[in-house]
Amino acid sequence: MDVVVECPVRLTESNRDELRLLYADLRDHYARRDARDGTRTTLHFLWTGVLDAELFGATYADQRHVFAGSRPVLNSAPGAAELQETNRWLSAPAQPNGASLGT
């Protein structure tokens, strides 16, 4: 069974390290839960506020490093056309239910 968990987040210059820790905590939590429940959880980060392209590129690289294909991860933000190029699975195969990648 596939599950999507929405994670509202705000990116600032001062919270990138905290986000890196959050990614690792989410990875570990859902790895345990998915193994126990027989699920495959997709994390969908919903970015709020002004999204600086340079900061987003850095946190996106952090996501790729932390999740490293361990699960599908999506990124979206209201009206953020710049996410079209990066809004994709992080080295993980698409799920059979065809979960949307749209922003």
PDB file of N, CA and C in Angstrom:
ATOM      1  N   MET A   1       0.837  -1.172   0.000  1.00  0.00           N
ATOM      2  CA  MET A   1       0.000   0.000   0.000  1.00  0.00           C
ATOM      3  C   MET A   1       0.889   1.245   0.000  1.00  0.00           C
ATOM      4  N   ASP A   2       0.556   2.225  -0.851  1.00  0.00           N
ATOM      5  CA  ASP A   2       1.295   3.482  -0.930  1.00  0.00           C
ATOM      6  C   ASP A   2       0.601   4.544  -0.093  1.00  0.00           C
ATOM      7  N   VAL A   3       1.401   5.342   0.608  1.00  0.00           N
ATOM      8  CA  VAL A   3       0.906   6.401   1.469  1.00  0.00           C
ATOM      9  C   VAL A   3       1.663   7.676   1.130  1.00  0.00           C
ATOM     10  N   VAL A   4       0.956   8.819   1.066  1.00  0.00           N
ATOM     11  CA  VAL A   4       1.609  10.109   0.861  1.00  0.00           C
ATOM     12  C   VAL A   4       1.462  10.919   2.134  1.00  0.00           C
ATOM     13  N   VAL A   5       2.562  11.422   2.651  1.00  0.00           N
ATOM     14  CA  VAL A   5       2.566  12.269   3.841  1.00  0.00           C
ATOM     15  C   VAL A   5       2.994  13.662   3.412  1.00  0.00           C
ATOM     16  N   GLU A   6       2.122  14.656   3.656  1.00  0.00           N
ATOM     17  CA  GLU A   6       2.453  16.033   3.325  1.00  0.00           C
ATOM     18  C   GLU A   6       3.189  16.679   4.488  1.00  0.00           C
ATOM     19  N   CYS A   7       4.278  17.361   4.171  1.00  0.00           N
ATOM     20  CA  CYS A   7       5.128  17.992   5.179  1.00  0.00           C
ATOM     21  C   CYS A   7       5.255  19.485   4.855  1.00  0.00           C
ATOM     22  N   PRO A   8       4.429  20.330   5.470  1.00  0.00           N
ATOM     23  CA  PRO A   8       4.589  21.772   5.237  1.00  0.00           C
ATOM     24  C   PRO A   8       5.898  22.262   5.853  1.00  0.00           C
ATOM     25  N   VAL A   9       6.704  22.978   5.081  1.00  0.00           N
ATOM     26  CA  VAL A   9       7.994  23.474   5.559  1.00  0.00           C
ATOM     27  C   VAL A   9       8.260  24.875   5.023  1.00  0.00           C
ATOM     28  N   ARG A  10       9.078  25.599   5.730  1.00  0.00           N
ATOM     29  CA  ARG A  10       9.515  26.933   5.316  1.00  0.00           C
ATOM     30  C   ARG A  10      11.045  26.903   5.299  1.00  0.00           C
ATOM     31  N   LEU A  11      11.618  27.404   4.232  1.00  0.00           N
ATOM     32  CA  LEU A  11      13.072  27.406   4.060  1.00  0.00           C
ATOM     33  C   LEU A  11      13.615  28.801   4.312  1.00  0.00           C
ATOM     34  N   THR A  12      14.561  28.885   5.229  1.00  0.00           N
ATOM     35  CA  THR A  12      15.265  30.146   5.485  1.00  0.00           C
ATOM     36  C   THR A  12      16.756  29.846   5.543  1.00  0.00           C
ATOM     37  N   GLU A  13      17.546  30.900   5.483  1.00  0.00           N
ATOM     38  CA  GLU A  13      18.995  30.720   5.560  1.00  0.00           C
ATOM     39  C   GLU A  13      19.404  30.073   6.875  1.00  0.00           C
ATOM     40  N   SER A  14      18.648  30.359   7.927  1.00  0.00           N
ATOM     41  CA  SER A  14      19.043  29.878   9.257  1.00  0.00           C
ATOM     42  C   SER A  14      18.528  28.480   9.598  1.00  0.00           C
ATOM     43  N   ASN A  15      17.652  27.896   8.786  1.00  0.00           N
ATOM     44  CA  ASN A  15      17.117  26.587   9.183  1.00  0.00           C
ATOM     45  C   ASN A  15      17.564  25.421   8.305  1.00  0.00           C
ATOM     46  N   ARG A  16      18.512  25.625   7.423  1.00  0.00           N
ATOM     47  CA  ARG A  16      18.937  24.533   6.536  1.00  0.00           C
ATOM     48  C   ARG A  16      19.494  23.352   7.325  1.00  0.00           C
ATOM     49  N   ASP A  17      20.297  23.599   8.361  1.00  0.00           N
ATOM     50  CA  ASP A  17      20.827  22.503   9.174  1.00  0.00           C
ATOM     51  C   ASP A  17      19.702  21.748   9.876  1.00  0.00           C
ATOM     52  N   GLU A  18      18.709  22.487  10.371  1.00  0.00           N
ATOM     53  CA  GLU A  18      17.556  21.847  11.014  1.00  0.00           C
ATOM     54  C   GLU A  18      16.778  20.992  10.022  1.00  0.00           C
ATOM     55  N   LEU A  19      16.648  21.479   8.791  1.00  0.00           N
ATOM     56  CA  LEU A  19      15.947  20.701   7.772  1.00  0.00           C
ATOM     57  C   LEU A  19      16.700  19.414   7.453  1.00  0.00           C
ATOM     58  N   ARG A  20      18.018  19.488   7.422  1.00  0.00           N
ATOM     59  CA  ARG A  20      18.822  18.283   7.175  1.00  0.00           C
ATOM     60  C   ARG A  20      18.550  17.232   8.259  1.00  0.00           C
ATOM     61  N   LEU A  21      18.468  17.674   9.510  1.00  0.00           N
ATOM     62  CA  LEU A  21      18.138  16.759  10.615  1.00  0.00           C
ATOM     63  C   LEU A  21      16.710  16.230  10.477  1.00  0.00           C
ATOM     64  N   LEU A  22      15.789  17.111  10.069  1.00  0.00           N
ATOM     65  CA  LEU A  22      14.403  16.683   9.851  1.00  0.00           C
ATOM     66  C   LEU A  22      14.337  15.604   8.778  1.00  0.00           C
ATOM     67  N   TYR A  23      15.060  15.797   7.669  1.00  0.00           N
ATOM     68  CA  TYR A  23      15.062  14.792   6.601  1.00  0.00           C
ATOM     69  C   TYR A  23      15.525  13.436   7.136  1.00  0.00           C
ATOM     70  N   ALA A  24      16.598  13.442   7.918  1.00  0.00           N
ATOM     71  CA  ALA A  24      17.122  12.183   8.462  1.00  0.00           C
ATOM     72  C   ALA A  24      16.113  11.542   9.423  1.00  0.00           C
ATOM     73  N   ASP A  25      15.482  12.352  10.264  1.00  0.00           N
ATOM     74  CA  ASP A  25      14.467  11.820  11.184  1.00  0.00           C
ATOM     75  C   ASP A  25      13.290  11.222  10.424  1.00  0.00           C
ATOM     76  N   LEU A  26      12.829  11.931   9.394  1.00  0.00           N
ATOM     77  CA  LEU A  26      11.711  11.414   8.597  1.00  0.00           C
ATOM     78  C   LEU A  26      12.095  10.122   7.881  1.00  0.00           C
ATOM     79  N   ARG A  27      13.298  10.100   7.310  1.00  0.00           N
ATOM     80  CA  ARG A  27      13.778   8.889   6.630  1.00  0.00           C
ATOM     81  C   ARG A  27      13.752   7.688   7.571  1.00  0.00           C
ATOM     82  N   ASP A  28      14.305   7.864   8.756  1.00  0.00           N
ATOM     83  CA  ASP A  28      14.393   6.760   9.716  1.00  0.00           C
ATOM     84  C   ASP A  28      13.018   6.353  10.235  1.00  0.00           C
ATOM     85  N   HIS A  29      12.182   7.336  10.543  1.00  0.00           N
ATOM     86  CA  HIS A  29      10.842   7.042  11.063  1.00  0.00           C
ATOM     87  C   HIS A  29      10.019   6.248  10.049  1.00  0.00           C
ATOM     88  N   TYR A  30       9.976   6.735   8.802  1.00  0.00           N
ATOM     89  CA  TYR A  30       9.143   6.065   7.806  1.00  0.00           C
ATOM     90  C   TYR A  30       9.744   4.751   7.326  1.00  0.00           C
ATOM     91  N   ALA A  31      11.044   4.596   7.413  1.00  0.00           N
ATOM     92  CA  ALA A  31      11.651   3.292   7.093  1.00  0.00           C
ATOM     93  C   ALA A  31      11.158   2.248   8.090  1.00  0.00           C
ATOM     94  N   ARG A  32      11.173   2.601   9.372  1.00  0.00           N
ATOM     95  CA  ARG A  32      10.676   1.667  10.398  1.00  0.00           C
ATOM     96  C   ARG A  32       9.184   1.406  10.235  1.00  0.00           C
ATOM     97  N   ARG A  33       8.408   2.474  10.053  1.00  0.00           N
ATOM     98  CA  ARG A  33       6.960   2.321   9.934  1.00  0.00           C
ATOM     99  C   ARG A  33       6.576   1.527   8.688  1.00  0.00           C
ATOM    100  N   ASP A  34       7.207   1.829   7.572  1.00  0.00           N
ATOM    101  CA  ASP A  34       6.894   1.107   6.332  1.00  0.00           C
ATOM    102  C   ASP A  34       7.231  -0.372   6.457  1.00  0.00           C
ATOM    103  N   ALA A  35       8.368  -0.670   7.093  1.00  0.00           N
ATOM    104  CA  ALA A  35       8.743  -2.079   7.291  1.00  0.00           C
ATOM    105  C   ALA A  35       7.723  -2.788   8.178  1.00  0.00           C
ATOM    106  N   ARG A  36       7.269  -2.120   9.199  1.00  0.00           N
ATOM    107  CA  ARG A  36       6.296  -2.704  10.125  1.00  0.00           C
ATOM    108  C   ARG A  36       4.916  -2.869   9.476  1.00  0.00           C
ATOM    109  N   ASP A  37       4.471  -1.842   8.723  1.00  0.00           N
ATOM    110  CA  ASP A  37       3.109  -1.832   8.190  1.00  0.00           C
ATOM    111  C   ASP A  37       2.987  -2.348   6.762  1.00  0.00           C
ATOM    112  N   GLY A  38       4.107  -2.614   6.108  1.00  0.00           N
ATOM    113  CA  GLY A  38       4.065  -3.069   4.720  1.00  0.00           C
ATOM    114  C   GLY A  38       3.616  -1.977   3.756  1.00  0.00           C
ATOM    115  N   THR A  39       3.985  -0.718   4.053  1.00  0.00           N
ATOM    116  CA  THR A  39       3.609   0.409   3.207  1.00  0.00           C
ATOM    117  C   THR A  39       4.835   0.978   2.514  1.00  0.00           C
ATOM    118  N   ARG A  40       4.609   1.881   1.595  1.00  0.00           N
ATOM    119  CA  ARG A  40       5.672   2.644   0.931  1.00  0.00           C
ATOM    120  C   ARG A  40       5.243   4.101   0.999  1.00  0.00           C
ATOM    121  N   THR A  41       5.880   4.882   1.867  1.00  0.00           N
ATOM    122  CA  THR A  41       5.482   6.258   2.102  1.00  0.00           C
ATOM    123  C   THR A  41       6.249   7.216   1.208  1.00  0.00           C
ATOM    124  N   THR A  42       5.509   8.100   0.551  1.00  0.00           N
ATOM    125  CA  THR A  42       6.069   9.203  -0.216  1.00  0.00           C
ATOM    126  C   THR A  42       6.013  10.438   0.659  1.00  0.00           C
ATOM    127  N   LEU A  43       7.127  11.146   0.772  1.00  0.00           N
ATOM    128  CA  LEU A  43       7.149  12.404   1.506  1.00  0.00           C
ATOM    129  C   LEU A  43       6.962  13.541   0.509  1.00  0.00           C
ATOM    130  N   HIS A  44       5.979  14.388   0.770  1.00  0.00           N
ATOM    131  CA  HIS A  44       5.670  15.511  -0.113  1.00  0.00           C
ATOM    132  C   HIS A  44       5.909  16.792   0.670  1.00  0.00           C
ATOM    133  N   PHE A  45       7.014  17.464   0.360  1.00  0.00           N
ATOM    134  CA  PHE A  45       7.352  18.715   1.038  1.00  0.00           C
ATOM    135  C   PHE A  45       6.620  19.860   0.351  1.00  0.00           C
ATOM    136  N   LEU A  46       5.793  20.560   1.132  1.00  0.00           N
ATOM    137  CA  LEU A  46       5.017  21.698   0.645  1.00  0.00           C
ATOM    138  C   LEU A  46       5.694  22.964   1.158  1.00  0.00           C
ATOM    139  N   TRP A  47       6.430  23.636   0.292  1.00  0.00           N
ATOM    140  CA  TRP A  47       7.223  24.792   0.691  1.00  0.00           C
ATOM    141  C   TRP A  47       6.347  26.023   0.778  1.00  0.00           C
ATOM    142  N   THR A  48       6.525  26.787   1.857  1.00  0.00           N
ATOM    143  CA  THR A  48       5.764  28.021   2.064  1.00  0.00           C
ATOM    144  C   THR A  48       6.716  29.205   2.093  1.00  0.00           C
ATOM    145  N   GLY A  49       6.158  30.392   1.947  1.00  0.00           N
ATOM    146  CA  GLY A  49       6.971  31.609   1.979  1.00  0.00           C
ATOM    147  C   GLY A  49       7.729  31.810   0.684  1.00  0.00           C
ATOM    148  N   VAL A  50       8.615  32.784   0.703  1.00  0.00           N
ATOM    149  CA  VAL A  50       9.444  33.084  -0.465  1.00  0.00           C
ATOM    150  C   VAL A  50      10.504  31.993  -0.588  1.00  0.00           C
ATOM    151  N   LEU A  51      10.604  31.408  -1.776  1.00  0.00           N
ATOM    152  CA  LEU A  51      11.518  30.295  -1.987  1.00  0.00           C
ATOM    153  C   LEU A  51      12.726  30.766  -2.795  1.00  0.00           C
ATOM    154  N   ASP A  52      13.825  31.031  -2.121  1.00  0.00           N
ATOM    155  CA  ASP A  52      15.058  31.464  -2.755  1.00  0.00           C
ATOM    156  C   ASP A  52      15.646  30.293  -3.548  1.00  0.00           C
ATOM    157  N   ALA A  53      15.923  30.515  -4.827  1.00  0.00           N
ATOM    158  CA  ALA A  53      16.381  29.435  -5.707  1.00  0.00           C
ATOM    159  C   ALA A  53      17.700  28.819  -5.230  1.00  0.00           C
ATOM    160  N   GLU A  54      18.633  29.636  -4.754  1.00  0.00           N
ATOM    161  CA  GLU A  54      19.924  29.112  -4.301  1.00  0.00           C
ATOM    162  C   GLU A  54      19.764  28.256  -3.043  1.00  0.00           C
ATOM    163  N   LEU A  55      18.973  28.743  -2.093  1.00  0.00           N
ATOM    164  CA  LEU A  55      18.734  27.961  -0.873  1.00  0.00           C
ATOM    165  C   LEU A  55      17.986  26.676  -1.183  1.00  0.00           C
ATOM    166  N   PHE A  56      17.003  26.764  -2.092  1.00  0.00           N
ATOM    167  CA  PHE A  56      16.271  25.556  -2.437  1.00  0.00           C
ATOM    168  C   PHE A  56      17.192  24.539  -3.103  1.00  0.00           C
ATOM    169  N   GLY A  57      18.062  25.003  -3.989  1.00  0.00           N
ATOM    170  CA  GLY A  57      19.014  24.088  -4.629  1.00  0.00           C
ATOM    171  C   GLY A  57      19.869  23.366  -3.600  1.00  0.00           C
ATOM    172  N   ALA A  58      20.277  24.092  -2.553  1.00  0.00           N
ATOM    173  CA  ALA A  58      21.106  23.484  -1.502  1.00  0.00           C
ATOM    174  C   ALA A  58      20.305  22.465  -0.694  1.00  0.00           C
ATOM    175  N   THR A  59      19.074  22.804  -0.318  1.00  0.00           N
ATOM    176  CA  THR A  59      18.289  21.856   0.489  1.00  0.00           C
ATOM    177  C   THR A  59      17.834  20.675  -0.365  1.00  0.00           C
ATOM    178  N   TYR A  60      17.653  20.897  -1.656  1.00  0.00           N
ATOM    179  CA  TYR A  60      17.322  19.793  -2.555  1.00  0.00           C
ATOM    180  C   TYR A  60      18.500  18.813  -2.631  1.00  0.00           C
ATOM    181  N   ALA A  61      19.714  19.352  -2.680  1.00  0.00           N
ATOM    182  CA  ALA A  61      20.908  18.493  -2.661  1.00  0.00           C
ATOM    183  C   ALA A  61      20.973  17.718  -1.343  1.00  0.00           C
ATOM    184  N   ASP A  62      20.603  18.383  -0.244  1.00  0.00           N
ATOM    185  CA  ASP A  62      20.554  17.695   1.048  1.00  0.00           C
ATOM    186  C   ASP A  62      19.547  16.544   1.007  1.00  0.00           C
ATOM    187  N   GLN A  63      18.379  16.786   0.409  1.00  0.00           N
ATOM    188  CA  GLN A  63      17.367  15.723   0.285  1.00  0.00           C
ATOM    189  C   GLN A  63      17.930  14.537  -0.493  1.00  0.00           C
ATOM    190  N   ARG A  64      18.558  14.822  -1.616  1.00  0.00           N
ATOM    191  CA  ARG A  64      19.128  13.739  -2.438  1.00  0.00           C
ATOM    192  C   ARG A  64      20.128  12.928  -1.634  1.00  0.00           C
ATOM    193  N   HIS A  65      20.949  13.604  -0.850  1.00  0.00           N
ATOM    194  CA  HIS A  65      21.966  12.925  -0.045  1.00  0.00           C
ATOM    195  C   HIS A  65      21.325  12.097   1.072  1.00  0.00           C
ATOM    196  N   VAL A  66      20.381  12.684   1.802  1.00  0.00           N
ATOM    197  CA  VAL A  66      19.780  12.007   2.957  1.00  0.00           C
ATOM    198  C   VAL A  66      18.891  10.846   2.521  1.00  0.00           C
ATOM    199  N   PHE A  67      18.027  11.088   1.542  1.00  0.00           N
ATOM    200  CA  PHE A  67      17.073  10.040   1.162  1.00  0.00           C
ATOM    201  C   PHE A  67      17.684   9.018   0.215  1.00  0.00           C
ATOM    202  N   ALA A  68      18.613   9.421  -0.634  1.00  0.00           N
ATOM    203  CA  ALA A  68      19.369   8.524  -1.515  1.00  0.00           C
ATOM    204  C   ALA A  68      18.552   7.346  -2.039  1.00  0.00           C
ATOM    205  N   GLY A  69      17.363   7.631  -2.545  1.00  0.00           N
ATOM    206  CA  GLY A  69      16.543   6.581  -3.134  1.00  0.00           C
ATOM    207  C   GLY A  69      15.821   5.708  -2.141  1.00  0.00           C
ATOM    208  N   SER A  70      15.849   6.068  -0.856  1.00  0.00           N
ATOM    209  CA  SER A  70      15.195   5.234   0.151  1.00  0.00           C
ATOM    210  C   SER A  70      13.677   5.307   0.057  1.00  0.00           C
ATOM    211  N   ARG A  71      13.165   6.377  -0.543  1.00  0.00           N
ATOM    212  CA  ARG A  71      11.714   6.533  -0.698  1.00  0.00           C
ATOM    213  C   ARG A  71      11.432   7.645  -1.692  1.00  0.00           C
ATOM    214  N   PRO A  72      10.237   7.667  -2.258  1.00  0.00           N
ATOM    215  CA  PRO A  72       9.888   8.767  -3.164  1.00  0.00           C
ATOM    216  C   PRO A  72       9.716  10.064  -2.368  1.00  0.00           C
ATOM    217  N   VAL A  73      10.229  11.153  -2.927  1.00  0.00           N
ATOM    218  CA  VAL A  73      10.117  12.463  -2.305  1.00  0.00           C
ATOM    219  C   VAL A  73       9.673  13.458  -3.368  1.00  0.00           C
ATOM    220  N   LEU A  74       8.700  14.275  -3.016  1.00  0.00           N
ATOM    221  CA  LEU A  74       8.199  15.322  -3.903  1.00  0.00           C
ATOM    222  C   LEU A  74       8.430  16.670  -3.261  1.00  0.00           C
ATOM    223  N   ASN A  75       8.520  17.710  -4.079  1.00  0.00           N
ATOM    224  CA  ASN A  75       8.627  19.087  -3.612  1.00  0.00           C
ATOM    225  C   ASN A  75       7.649  19.929  -4.408  1.00  0.00           C
ATOM    226  N   SER A  76       6.888  20.788  -3.730  1.00  0.00           N
ATOM    227  CA  SER A  76       6.032  21.718  -4.451  1.00  0.00           C
ATOM    228  C   SER A  76       5.832  22.978  -3.622  1.00  0.00           C
ATOM    229  N   ALA A  77       5.474  24.038  -4.326  1.00  0.00           N
ATOM    230  CA  ALA A  77       5.188  25.316  -3.690  1.00  0.00           C
ATOM    231  C   ALA A  77       4.165  26.027  -4.562  1.00  0.00           C
ATOM    232  N   PRO A  78       3.224  26.716  -3.958  1.00  0.00           N
ATOM    233  CA  PRO A  78       2.229  27.434  -4.743  1.00  0.00           C
ATOM    234  C   PRO A  78       2.877  28.456  -5.667  1.00  0.00           C
ATOM    235  N   GLY A  79       2.586  28.346  -6.952  1.00  0.00           N
ATOM    236  CA  GLY A  79       3.072  29.314  -7.925  1.00  0.00           C
ATOM    237  C   GLY A  79       4.573  29.316  -8.145  1.00  0.00           C
ATOM    238  N   ALA A  80       5.280  28.273  -7.779  1.00  0.00           N
ATOM    239  CA  ALA A  80       6.735  28.244  -7.927  1.00  0.00           C
ATOM    240  C   ALA A  80       7.123  27.502  -9.201  1.00  0.00           C
ATOM    241  N   ALA A  81       7.128  28.201 -10.304  1.00  0.00           N
ATOM    242  CA  ALA A  81       7.456  27.580 -11.588  1.00  0.00           C
ATOM    243  C   ALA A  81       8.861  26.992 -11.588  1.00  0.00           C
ATOM    244  N   GLU A  82       9.774  27.583 -10.796  1.00  0.00           N
ATOM    245  CA  GLU A  82      11.153  27.076 -10.774  1.00  0.00           C
ATOM    246  C   GLU A  82      11.253  25.663 -10.223  1.00  0.00           C
ATOM    247  N   LEU A  83      10.215  25.188  -9.528  1.00  0.00           N
ATOM    248  CA  LEU A  83      10.254  23.822  -9.004  1.00  0.00           C
ATOM    249  C   LEU A  83       9.929  22.785 -10.074  1.00  0.00           C
ATOM    250  N   GLN A  84       9.428  23.205 -11.211  1.00  0.00           N
ATOM    251  CA  GLN A  84       9.062  22.243 -12.252  1.00  0.00           C
ATOM    252  C   GLN A  84      10.239  21.337 -12.606  1.00  0.00           C
ATOM    253  N   GLU A  85      11.426  21.901 -12.662  1.00  0.00           N
ATOM    254  CA  GLU A  85      12.604  21.120 -13.031  1.00  0.00           C
ATOM    255  C   GLU A  85      13.052  20.184 -11.919  1.00  0.00           C
ATOM    256  N   THR A  86      12.803  20.547 -10.669  1.00  0.00           N
ATOM    257  CA  THR A  86      13.302  19.746  -9.566  1.00  0.00           C
ATOM    258  C   THR A  86      12.234  18.896  -8.910  1.00  0.00           C
ATOM    259  N   ASN A  87      10.986  19.089  -9.285  1.00  0.00           N
ATOM    260  CA  ASN A  87       9.898  18.356  -8.664  1.00  0.00           C
ATOM    261  C   ASN A  87       9.820  16.966  -9.282  1.00  0.00           C
ATOM    262  N   ARG A  88      10.588  16.061  -8.726  1.00  0.00           N
ATOM    263  CA  ARG A  88      10.681  14.711  -9.280  1.00  0.00           C
ATOM    264  C   ARG A  88      11.081  13.752  -8.170  1.00  0.00           C
ATOM    265  N   TRP A  89      11.040  12.495  -8.483  1.00  0.00           N
ATOM    266  CA  TRP A  89      11.456  11.476  -7.514  1.00  0.00           C
ATOM    267  C   TRP A  89      12.948  11.601  -7.269  1.00  0.00           C
ATOM    268  N   LEU A  90      13.356  11.451  -6.036  1.00  0.00           N
ATOM    269  CA  LEU A  90      14.784  11.512  -5.703  1.00  0.00           C
ATOM    270  C   LEU A  90      15.385  10.119  -5.797  1.00  0.00           C
ATOM    271  N   SER A  91      15.796   9.746  -6.976  1.00  0.00           N
ATOM    272  CA  SER A  91      16.462   8.463  -7.222  1.00  0.00           C
ATOM    273  C   SER A  91      15.645   7.252  -6.798  1.00  0.00           C
ATOM    274  N   ALA A  92      14.333   7.383  -6.745  1.00  0.00           N
ATOM    275  CA  ALA A  92      13.472   6.258  -6.371  1.00  0.00           C
ATOM    276  C   ALA A  92      12.485   6.024  -7.508  1.00  0.00           C
ATOM    277  N   PRO A  93      12.127   4.776  -7.762  1.00  0.00           N
ATOM    278  CA  PRO A  93      11.205   4.488  -8.850  1.00  0.00           C
ATOM    279  C   PRO A  93       9.810   5.029  -8.573  1.00  0.00           C
ATOM    280  N   ALA A  94       9.110   5.372  -9.632  1.00  0.00           N
ATOM    281  CA  ALA A  94       7.709   5.819  -9.507  1.00  0.00           C
ATOM    282  C   ALA A  94       6.867   4.675  -8.961  1.00  0.00           C
ATOM    283  N   GLN A  95       5.852   5.039  -8.224  1.00  0.00           N
ATOM    284  CA  GLN A  95       4.977   4.046  -7.631  1.00  0.00           C
ATOM    285  C   GLN A  95       3.898   3.611  -8.620  1.00  0.00           C
ATOM    286  N   PRO A  96       3.396   2.368  -8.498  1.00  0.00           N
ATOM    287  CA  PRO A  96       2.425   1.857  -9.447  1.00  0.00           C
ATOM    288  C   PRO A  96       1.125   2.644  -9.474  1.00  0.00           C
ATOM    289  N   ASN A  97       0.780   3.359  -8.409  1.00  0.00           N
ATOM    290  CA  ASN A  97      -0.474   4.104  -8.409  1.00  0.00           C
ATOM    291  C   ASN A  97      -0.382   5.406  -9.182  1.00  0.00           C
ATOM    292  N   GLY A  98       0.805   5.720  -9.714  1.00  0.00           N
ATOM    293  CA  GLY A  98       0.964   6.919 -10.537  1.00  0.00           C
ATOM    294  C   GLY A  98       0.798   8.201  -9.762  1.00  0.00           C
ATOM    295  N   ALA A  99       1.330   8.292  -8.565  1.00  0.00           N
ATOM    296  CA  ALA A  99       1.195   9.486  -7.738  1.00  0.00           C
ATOM    297  C   ALA A  99       1.610  10.714  -8.527  1.00  0.00           C
ATOM    298  N   SER A 100       0.884  11.791  -8.350  1.00  0.00           N
ATOM    299  CA  SER A 100       1.095  13.024  -9.112  1.00  0.00           C
ATOM    300  C   SER A 100       2.389  13.692  -8.711  1.00  0.00           C
ATOM    301  N   LEU A 101       3.081  14.243  -9.699  1.00  0.00           N
ATOM    302  CA  LEU A 101       4.278  15.019  -9.447  1.00  0.00           C
ATOM    303  C   LEU A 101       4.005  16.506  -9.625  1.00  0.00           C
ATOM    304  N   GLY A 102       2.793  16.883  -9.896  1.00  0.00           N
ATOM    305  CA  GLY A 102       2.470  18.278 -10.180  1.00  0.00           C
ATOM    306  C   GLY A 102       2.583  19.175  -8.978  1.00  0.00           C
ATOM    307  N   THR A 103       2.859  20.442  -9.260  1.00  0.00           N
ATOM    308  CA  THR A 103       2.904  21.425  -8.192  1.00  0.00           C
ATOM    309  C   THR A 103       1.549  22.034  -8.009  1.00  0.00           C
TER     310      THR A 103
END
